[in-house]
Amino acid sequence: MKKAFLLVIASLGFGITVIAQEVSENAIGLRIGDRDGFGTEISYQRALGGNNRLEADFGWRSGNNFDGFKLTGIYQWVWAFDGNFNWYTGVGGGVGFYSLKNNAVDNETFVFTSGNIGIEYNFDSPWLFCLDFRPELGLGDFRDGFDITVDFDIALGLRYQF
């Protein structure tokens, strides 16, 4: 019984290794979504080996009443799904700052933790298209104690792989 169990575990491990997707060394592009006011992000992905990668996103926003930026780092695991489709999950966090233009008192720095889950399509060219969901738990407003926020960010991405 013990040998059969070990054989099943070894077979599953081999199967998962076989279907693991080799990720591109580098990819750069845009991640476009909007839930927390930072709609467009410049996105960079760097392979770390096998099916793991690091994603760094820099988002900014400037409007009539509001200026801000946000820097996010996510560690991701990528798996083959079907054909050129992959799915991925990840964890990470970041830091950001915003200010209201008409009120010098309302400036805030915040930090956050984040999860990530998504699906991507590798075209036969060097382009990659993705759709992902990123829940974020943030801490901010450090002057008067902590203000805890929860954001749910859904975005489309288009990246060039090299």
Protein backbone atom coordinates (compact mmCIF):
# COMPACT_ATOMS: atom_id res chain seq x y z
CA MET A 1 0.00 0.00 0.00
CA LYS A 2 2.82 2.37 0.90
CA LYS A 3 4.58 1.71 -2.43
CA ALA A 4 1.37 2.31 -4.39
CA PHE A 5 0.82 5.62 -2.57
CA LEU A 6 4.39 6.75 -3.30
CA LEU A 7 4.01 5.70 -6.95
CA VAL A 8 0.81 7.78 -7.29
CA ILE A 9 2.48 10.83 -5.67
CA ALA A 10 5.54 10.49 -7.92
CA SER A 11 3.32 10.16 -11.02
CA LEU A 12 1.33 13.25 -10.07
CA GLY A 13 4.54 15.22 -9.47
CA PHE A 14 5.90 14.15 -12.86
CA GLY A 15 2.60 15.04 -14.55
CA ILE A 16 2.56 18.51 -12.99
CA THR A 17 6.19 19.05 -14.03
CA VAL A 18 5.40 18.02 -17.61
CA ILE A 19 2.48 20.46 -17.94
CA ALA A 20 4.26 23.36 -16.22
CA GLN A 21 4.56 26.28 -18.63
CA GLU A 22 7.97 27.71 -19.33
CA VAL A 23 7.56 31.47 -18.94
CA SER A 24 9.26 34.10 -21.08
CA GLU A 25 12.45 35.67 -19.66
CA ASN A 26 11.00 39.21 -19.84
CA ALA A 27 7.70 40.84 -20.73
CA ILE A 28 6.72 44.51 -20.67
CA GLY A 29 3.42 46.19 -21.39
CA LEU A 30 0.29 47.73 -19.92
CA ARG A 31 -2.18 46.50 -17.31
CA ILE A 32 -5.47 48.38 -17.66
CA GLY A 33 -8.11 48.19 -14.94
CA ASP A 34 -9.89 50.48 -12.56
CA ARG A 35 -11.24 49.93 -9.11
CA ASP A 36 -9.03 51.89 -6.76
CA GLY A 37 -8.28 54.95 -8.92
CA PHE A 38 -5.03 53.71 -10.47
CA GLY A 39 -6.43 52.62 -13.82
CA THR A 40 -3.35 52.18 -16.04
CA GLU A 41 -0.12 50.53 -14.97
CA ILE A 42 3.19 49.92 -16.71
CA SER A 43 3.84 46.25 -16.13
CA TYR A 44 7.12 44.29 -16.22
CA GLN A 45 7.51 40.53 -15.72
CA ARG A 46 10.80 38.73 -15.10
CA ALA A 47 11.16 34.94 -15.11
CA LEU A 48 12.75 33.50 -11.99
CA GLY A 49 13.11 29.93 -13.25
CA GLY A 50 10.77 27.14 -14.28
CA ASN A 51 7.21 28.36 -13.99
CA ASN A 52 7.83 31.24 -11.53
CA ARG A 53 8.11 34.94 -12.25
CA LEU A 54 8.08 38.35 -10.61
CA GLU A 55 5.71 41.07 -11.81
CA ALA A 56 6.30 44.75 -11.02
CA ASP A 57 3.61 47.33 -11.85
CA PHE A 58 3.77 51.11 -11.65
CA GLY A 59 0.38 52.83 -11.77
CA TRP A 60 -0.33 56.55 -11.80
CA ARG A 61 -3.37 58.72 -12.01
CA SER A 62 -3.84 62.44 -12.47
CA GLY A 63 -7.28 63.99 -12.54
CA ASN A 64 -9.10 67.21 -11.73
CA ASN A 65 -9.07 66.59 -7.96
CA PHE A 66 -6.57 63.80 -7.46
CA ASP A 67 -2.93 62.83 -8.14
CA GLY A 68 -1.32 59.58 -7.12
CA PHE A 69 0.94 56.64 -7.85
CA LYS A 70 1.16 53.02 -6.79
CA LEU A 71 4.03 50.48 -7.03
CA THR A 72 3.14 46.77 -6.83
CA GLY A 73 5.31 43.62 -6.73
CA ILE A 74 3.78 40.15 -7.20
CA TYR A 75 5.47 36.72 -7.09
CA GLN A 76 3.60 34.42 -9.51
CA TRP A 77 3.32 30.71 -10.31
CA VAL A 78 2.30 29.88 -13.91
CA TRP A 79 0.73 26.65 -15.21
CA ALA A 80 -0.28 25.50 -18.69
CA PHE A 81 -4.05 25.39 -19.08
CA ASP A 82 -4.92 24.48 -22.68
CA GLY A 83 -2.91 25.11 -25.83
CA ASN A 84 -1.54 28.65 -25.60
CA PHE A 85 -3.57 29.42 -22.47
CA ASN A 86 -1.89 29.60 -19.05
CA TRP A 87 -3.29 30.38 -15.63
CA TYR A 88 -1.39 31.91 -12.76
CA THR A 89 -1.64 32.82 -9.10
CA GLY A 90 0.52 35.05 -6.96
CA VAL A 91 1.09 37.00 -3.76
CA GLY A 92 2.77 40.32 -3.10
CA GLY A 93 2.27 43.87 -1.99
CA GLY A 94 3.25 47.44 -2.54
CA VAL A 95 3.20 51.10 -1.59
CA GLY A 96 1.44 54.17 -2.93
CA PHE A 97 0.70 57.84 -2.41
CA TYR A 98 -2.16 60.14 -3.33
CA SER A 99 -3.05 63.76 -2.77
CA LEU A 100 -6.19 65.81 -3.30
CA LYS A 101 -5.39 68.92 -5.35
CA ASN A 102 -7.77 71.27 -3.54
CA ASN A 103 -6.87 70.20 -0.01
CA ALA A 104 -3.24 70.20 1.15
CA VAL A 105 -4.24 68.26 4.29
CA ASP A 106 -5.49 65.19 2.40
CA ASN A 107 -2.23 63.53 1.38
CA GLU A 108 -1.86 59.86 2.16
CA THR A 109 0.81 57.20 1.89
CA PHE A 110 -0.43 53.63 2.04
CA VAL A 111 0.95 50.07 2.00
CA PHE A 112 -0.93 46.97 0.94
CA THR A 113 -0.76 43.20 0.53
CA SER A 114 -2.18 41.57 -2.54
CA GLY A 115 -3.20 38.27 -4.09
CA ASN A 116 -3.42 37.60 -7.81
CA ILE A 117 -5.17 35.07 -10.05
CA GLY A 118 -5.53 35.22 -13.80
CA ILE A 119 -5.53 33.62 -17.21
CA GLU A 120 -3.27 34.55 -20.13
CA TYR A 121 -2.96 33.73 -23.80
CA ASN A 122 0.42 33.44 -25.55
CA PHE A 123 0.00 34.38 -29.19
CA ASP A 124 2.28 32.71 -31.77
CA SER A 125 3.97 36.11 -31.95
CA PRO A 126 5.78 37.59 -28.90
CA TRP A 127 2.53 39.13 -27.55
CA LEU A 128 0.78 38.03 -24.36
CA PHE A 129 -2.82 38.94 -23.44
CA CYS A 130 -4.18 38.43 -19.91
CA LEU A 131 -7.16 38.98 -17.64
CA ASP A 132 -6.57 38.96 -13.89
CA PHE A 133 -8.16 39.64 -10.54
CA ARG A 134 -6.14 41.23 -7.72
CA PRO A 135 -7.69 41.63 -4.24
CA GLU A 136 -5.77 44.13 -2.08
CA LEU A 137 -5.80 44.81 1.65
CA GLY A 138 -4.37 48.27 2.40
CA LEU A 139 -3.26 50.25 5.44
CA GLY A 140 -3.11 54.02 5.28
CA ASP A 141 -3.87 57.36 6.95
CA PHE A 142 -1.09 56.98 9.50
CA ARG A 143 -1.68 60.42 11.11
CA ASP A 144 -4.88 59.39 12.89
CA GLY A 145 -4.21 55.67 13.36
CA PHE A 146 -4.73 53.03 10.70
CA ASP A 147 -7.34 53.09 7.98
CA ILE A 148 -7.90 49.60 6.53
CA THR A 149 -9.21 49.36 2.96
CA VAL A 150 -10.13 46.44 0.72
CA ASP A 151 -9.97 46.81 -3.07
CA PHE A 152 -10.83 44.35 -5.82
CA ASP A 153 -8.88 45.16 -8.98
CA ILE A 154 -9.83 43.48 -12.29
CA ALA A 155 -7.62 44.28 -15.28
CA LEU A 156 -6.70 43.41 -18.85
CA GLY A 157 -3.05 43.28 -19.82
CA LEU A 158 -1.09 43.29 -23.05
CA ARG A 159 2.65 42.60 -22.88
CA TYR A 160 5.51 42.14 -25.32
CA GLN A 161 7.70 39.11 -24.46
CA PHE A 162 11.44 39.07 -25.08
